[in-house]
Amino acid sequence: MRELIEEIRNCKRCALHKTRRNPVPGEGSLSAQLMLVGEAPGYWEDVRGRPFVGAAGKLLNELLSAIGLSRGEVYIANILKCRPPGNRDPLPEEVDACTPFLDRQVELISPRVVVTLGRHSTSYFFSKAGLEFRRMADVHGKVYKIEVLGVSFSLIPTFHPASALYNPKYRGMIEEDLHVVEDLLRREGIL
């Protein structure tokens, strides 16, 4: 993982390296059974070089705590490792340039459960698994047994925590989805 993090820090595969302050490789337990995958770093993540440390990260910490987990017990990563200017959506060429890093993280962590946070990470994993993705409302909170990169895991999509900051109805949906995660982790003896 150290080599991979160093590669991410030195990456110039797309133009985002020109505008970033700090790359955000990901963090957490290298033996985590649960991996959370978001979209891209935001302002505070870019400043600190860590995933989910702004307002959405604070909410994510609360949501994890509600199901008996802490950040140190999971692994948190993003599709992109550098902040897009103005927090715009990732461009396809940025996703193509950056996801080989995420793929290697999945291989190294080999999680039993992956929770995708938002449409970009959900779409990426669905495409890797040969599943059709249309919209989050159709897939959130459902469990998909998939194999990607030789790693078999349960995939559970949910909305990005930032969406709950702008639209409070999403918080309840994310909480319900994380209870699905909690139930699965308990059934599999992880919690």
Protein backbone atom coordinates (compact mmCIF):
# COMPACT_ATOMS: atom_id res chain seq x y z
CA MET A 1 0.00 0.00 0.00
CA ARG A 2 2.90 2.38 0.71
CA GLU A 3 4.11 2.05 -2.88
CA LEU A 4 0.60 2.72 -4.18
CA ILE A 5 0.23 5.82 -1.98
CA GLU A 6 3.57 7.11 -3.27
CA GLU A 7 2.40 6.55 -6.87
CA ILE A 8 -0.77 8.51 -6.13
CA ARG A 9 1.23 11.37 -4.60
CA ASN A 10 3.39 11.59 -7.72
CA CYS A 11 0.60 10.99 -10.25
CA LYS A 12 0.31 13.18 -13.34
CA ARG A 13 -2.04 10.96 -15.36
CA CYS A 14 -4.60 13.76 -15.76
CA ALA A 15 -4.73 17.54 -15.40
CA LEU A 16 -6.05 17.46 -11.82
CA HIS A 17 -2.49 17.24 -10.45
CA LYS A 18 -1.98 20.84 -11.62
CA THR A 19 -4.76 22.27 -9.42
CA ARG A 20 -4.65 20.04 -6.35
CA ARG A 21 -3.07 20.98 -3.05
CA ASN A 22 -2.79 17.39 -1.84
CA PRO A 23 -3.74 14.08 -3.36
CA VAL A 24 -6.12 12.04 -1.19
CA PRO A 25 -5.09 8.38 -1.50
CA GLY A 26 -7.49 6.97 1.10
CA GLU A 27 -7.11 5.79 4.68
CA GLY A 28 -8.14 3.25 7.24
CA SER A 29 -7.48 -0.30 8.26
CA LEU A 30 -5.61 -2.36 5.69
CA SER A 31 -7.46 -5.41 7.03
CA ALA A 32 -10.87 -3.73 6.88
CA GLN A 33 -13.82 -5.93 6.04
CA LEU A 34 -15.81 -2.83 5.03
CA MET A 35 -14.64 -0.37 2.39
CA LEU A 36 -16.42 2.93 1.68
CA VAL A 37 -15.91 4.53 -1.73
CA GLY A 38 -16.92 8.11 -2.48
CA GLU A 39 -16.60 10.33 -5.50
CA ALA A 40 -13.70 12.78 -5.16
CA PRO A 41 -12.01 14.97 -2.57
CA GLY A 42 -13.68 18.24 -1.66
CA TYR A 43 -12.13 21.45 -0.38
CA TRP A 44 -11.10 20.23 3.11
CA GLU A 45 -9.94 16.89 1.79
CA ASP A 46 -7.69 18.70 -0.69
CA VAL A 47 -6.31 20.88 2.13
CA ARG A 48 -5.66 17.99 4.52
CA GLY A 49 -4.91 15.13 2.11
CA ARG A 50 -7.46 12.87 3.85
CA PRO A 51 -10.86 11.59 2.69
CA PHE A 52 -14.12 12.77 4.22
CA VAL A 53 -12.83 15.37 6.69
CA GLY A 54 -15.27 18.19 5.89
CA ALA A 55 -18.95 18.48 6.76
CA ALA A 56 -19.84 15.32 4.80
CA GLY A 57 -17.07 13.50 6.68
CA LYS A 58 -18.45 14.60 10.02
CA LEU A 59 -21.85 13.22 9.02
CA LEU A 60 -20.23 10.00 7.77
CA ASN A 61 -18.51 9.57 11.14
CA GLU A 62 -21.88 9.97 12.91
CA LEU A 63 -23.52 7.47 10.58
CA LEU A 64 -20.75 4.92 11.11
CA SER A 65 -20.92 5.39 14.87
CA ALA A 66 -24.68 4.74 14.77
CA ILE A 67 -23.98 1.22 13.44
CA GLY A 68 -21.13 0.59 15.87
CA LEU A 69 -18.15 1.38 13.66
CA SER A 70 -15.37 3.94 13.67
CA ARG A 71 -13.27 5.27 10.81
CA GLY A 72 -10.30 3.26 12.02
CA GLU A 73 -12.16 0.00 11.44
CA VAL A 74 -13.01 0.66 7.78
CA TYR A 75 -11.12 1.75 4.70
CA ILE A 76 -12.25 4.95 2.98
CA ALA A 77 -11.32 5.87 -0.59
CA ASN A 78 -12.65 7.83 -3.54
CA ILE A 79 -12.97 7.27 -7.27
CA LEU A 80 -10.69 10.30 -7.87
CA LYS A 81 -7.66 10.98 -5.72
CA CYS A 82 -7.49 14.72 -6.52
CA ARG A 83 -10.13 17.44 -6.14
CA PRO A 84 -11.84 18.57 -9.32
CA PRO A 85 -11.91 22.39 -9.53
CA GLY A 86 -15.04 23.82 -7.93
CA ASN A 87 -16.07 20.33 -6.78
CA ARG A 88 -17.44 19.61 -10.25
CA ASP A 89 -18.32 16.05 -11.27
CA PRO A 90 -15.44 13.81 -12.34
CA LEU A 91 -14.78 13.79 -16.06
CA PRO A 92 -14.64 10.39 -17.82
CA GLU A 93 -10.95 10.78 -18.65
CA GLU A 94 -10.19 11.55 -14.97
CA VAL A 95 -12.09 8.45 -13.87
CA ASP A 96 -10.20 6.37 -16.45
CA ALA A 97 -6.85 7.77 -15.27
CA CYS A 98 -7.54 7.36 -11.55
CA THR A 99 -9.54 4.16 -11.09
CA PRO A 100 -6.57 1.83 -11.60
CA PHE A 101 -5.46 3.13 -8.17
CA LEU A 102 -8.86 2.30 -6.68
CA ASP A 103 -8.78 -1.13 -8.31
CA ARG A 104 -5.45 -1.85 -6.63
CA GLN A 105 -6.84 -0.66 -3.29
CA VAL A 106 -9.74 -3.10 -3.63
CA GLU A 107 -7.28 -5.89 -4.42
CA LEU A 108 -5.02 -5.00 -1.47
CA ILE A 109 -7.82 -4.54 1.09
CA SER A 110 -9.96 -7.40 -0.24
CA PRO A 111 -13.06 -6.23 1.65
CA ARG A 112 -16.09 -8.44 2.23
CA VAL A 113 -18.44 -5.44 1.91
CA VAL A 114 -18.13 -2.30 -0.23
CA VAL A 115 -20.47 0.64 0.31
CA THR A 116 -20.54 3.07 -2.58
CA LEU A 117 -21.32 6.65 -1.58
CA GLY A 118 -23.11 8.32 -4.46
CA ARG A 119 -23.76 7.79 -8.13
CA HIS A 120 -20.20 8.03 -9.43
CA SER A 121 -18.76 5.23 -7.30
CA THR A 122 -21.93 3.17 -7.71
CA SER A 123 -21.82 3.55 -11.50
CA TYR A 124 -18.14 2.57 -11.54
CA PHE A 125 -18.60 -0.64 -9.55
CA PHE A 126 -21.76 -1.56 -11.46
CA SER A 127 -19.87 -1.21 -14.76
CA LYS A 128 -17.00 -3.36 -13.42
CA ALA A 129 -19.52 -6.04 -12.41
CA GLY A 130 -21.46 -5.87 -15.69
CA LEU A 131 -24.58 -4.45 -14.02
CA GLU A 132 -26.75 -1.69 -15.42
CA PHE A 133 -26.94 1.52 -13.41
CA ARG A 134 -29.58 4.15 -14.04
CA ARG A 135 -30.15 6.09 -10.83
CA MET A 136 -29.47 5.88 -7.13
CA ALA A 137 -33.16 5.74 -6.23
CA ASP A 138 -33.37 2.32 -7.93
CA VAL A 139 -30.35 0.68 -6.27
CA HIS A 140 -29.68 2.26 -2.88
CA GLY A 141 -29.88 -0.03 0.13
CA LYS A 142 -29.86 -3.21 -1.96
CA VAL A 143 -27.19 -5.89 -1.62
CA TYR A 144 -25.40 -7.04 -4.76
CA LYS A 145 -23.07 -10.04 -4.57
CA ILE A 146 -20.35 -9.32 -7.11
CA GLU A 147 -16.82 -10.28 -8.04
CA VAL A 148 -14.48 -7.56 -9.25
CA LEU A 149 -10.76 -7.95 -9.86
CA GLY A 150 -10.85 -11.44 -8.38
CA VAL A 151 -12.36 -10.13 -5.13
CA SER A 152 -15.86 -11.31 -4.16
CA PHE A 153 -17.85 -8.94 -1.96
CA SER A 154 -21.28 -7.57 -1.19
CA LEU A 155 -21.86 -4.16 -2.76
CA ILE A 156 -24.36 -1.83 -1.09
CA PRO A 157 -24.94 1.53 -2.77
CA THR A 158 -26.16 4.55 -0.82
CA PHE A 159 -26.36 8.28 -1.35
CA HIS A 160 -23.32 10.47 -0.77
CA PRO A 161 -23.35 12.02 2.73
CA ALA A 162 -23.00 15.49 1.14
CA SER A 163 -26.45 15.04 -0.42
CA ALA A 164 -27.93 14.82 3.09
CA LEU A 165 -26.38 18.19 3.94
CA TYR A 166 -28.35 19.83 1.14
CA ASN A 167 -31.50 17.71 1.30
CA PRO A 168 -32.38 16.32 4.75
CA LYS A 169 -34.59 13.53 3.33
CA TYR A 170 -31.42 11.78 2.15
CA ARG A 171 -30.10 11.42 5.69
CA GLY A 172 -32.92 9.06 6.60
CA MET A 173 -32.32 7.07 3.43
CA ILE A 174 -28.60 6.79 4.15
CA GLU A 175 -29.35 5.73 7.74
CA GLU A 176 -31.71 3.01 6.48
CA ASP A 177 -29.11 1.85 3.95
CA LEU A 178 -26.42 1.68 6.65
CA HIS A 179 -28.73 -0.47 8.77
CA VAL A 180 -28.74 -2.89 5.82
CA VAL A 181 -24.93 -2.77 6.01
CA GLU A 182 -25.04 -3.35 9.78
CA ASP A 183 -27.37 -6.34 9.42
CA LEU A 184 -25.12 -7.87 6.74
CA LEU A 185 -21.98 -7.31 8.84
CA ARG A 186 -23.67 -8.99 11.83
CA ARG A 187 -24.86 -11.95 9.74
CA GLU A 188 -21.34 -12.44 8.36
CA GLY A 189 -19.78 -12.21 11.84
CA ILE A 190 -17.87 -9.02 11.09
CA LEU A 191 -19.65 -6.94 13.77
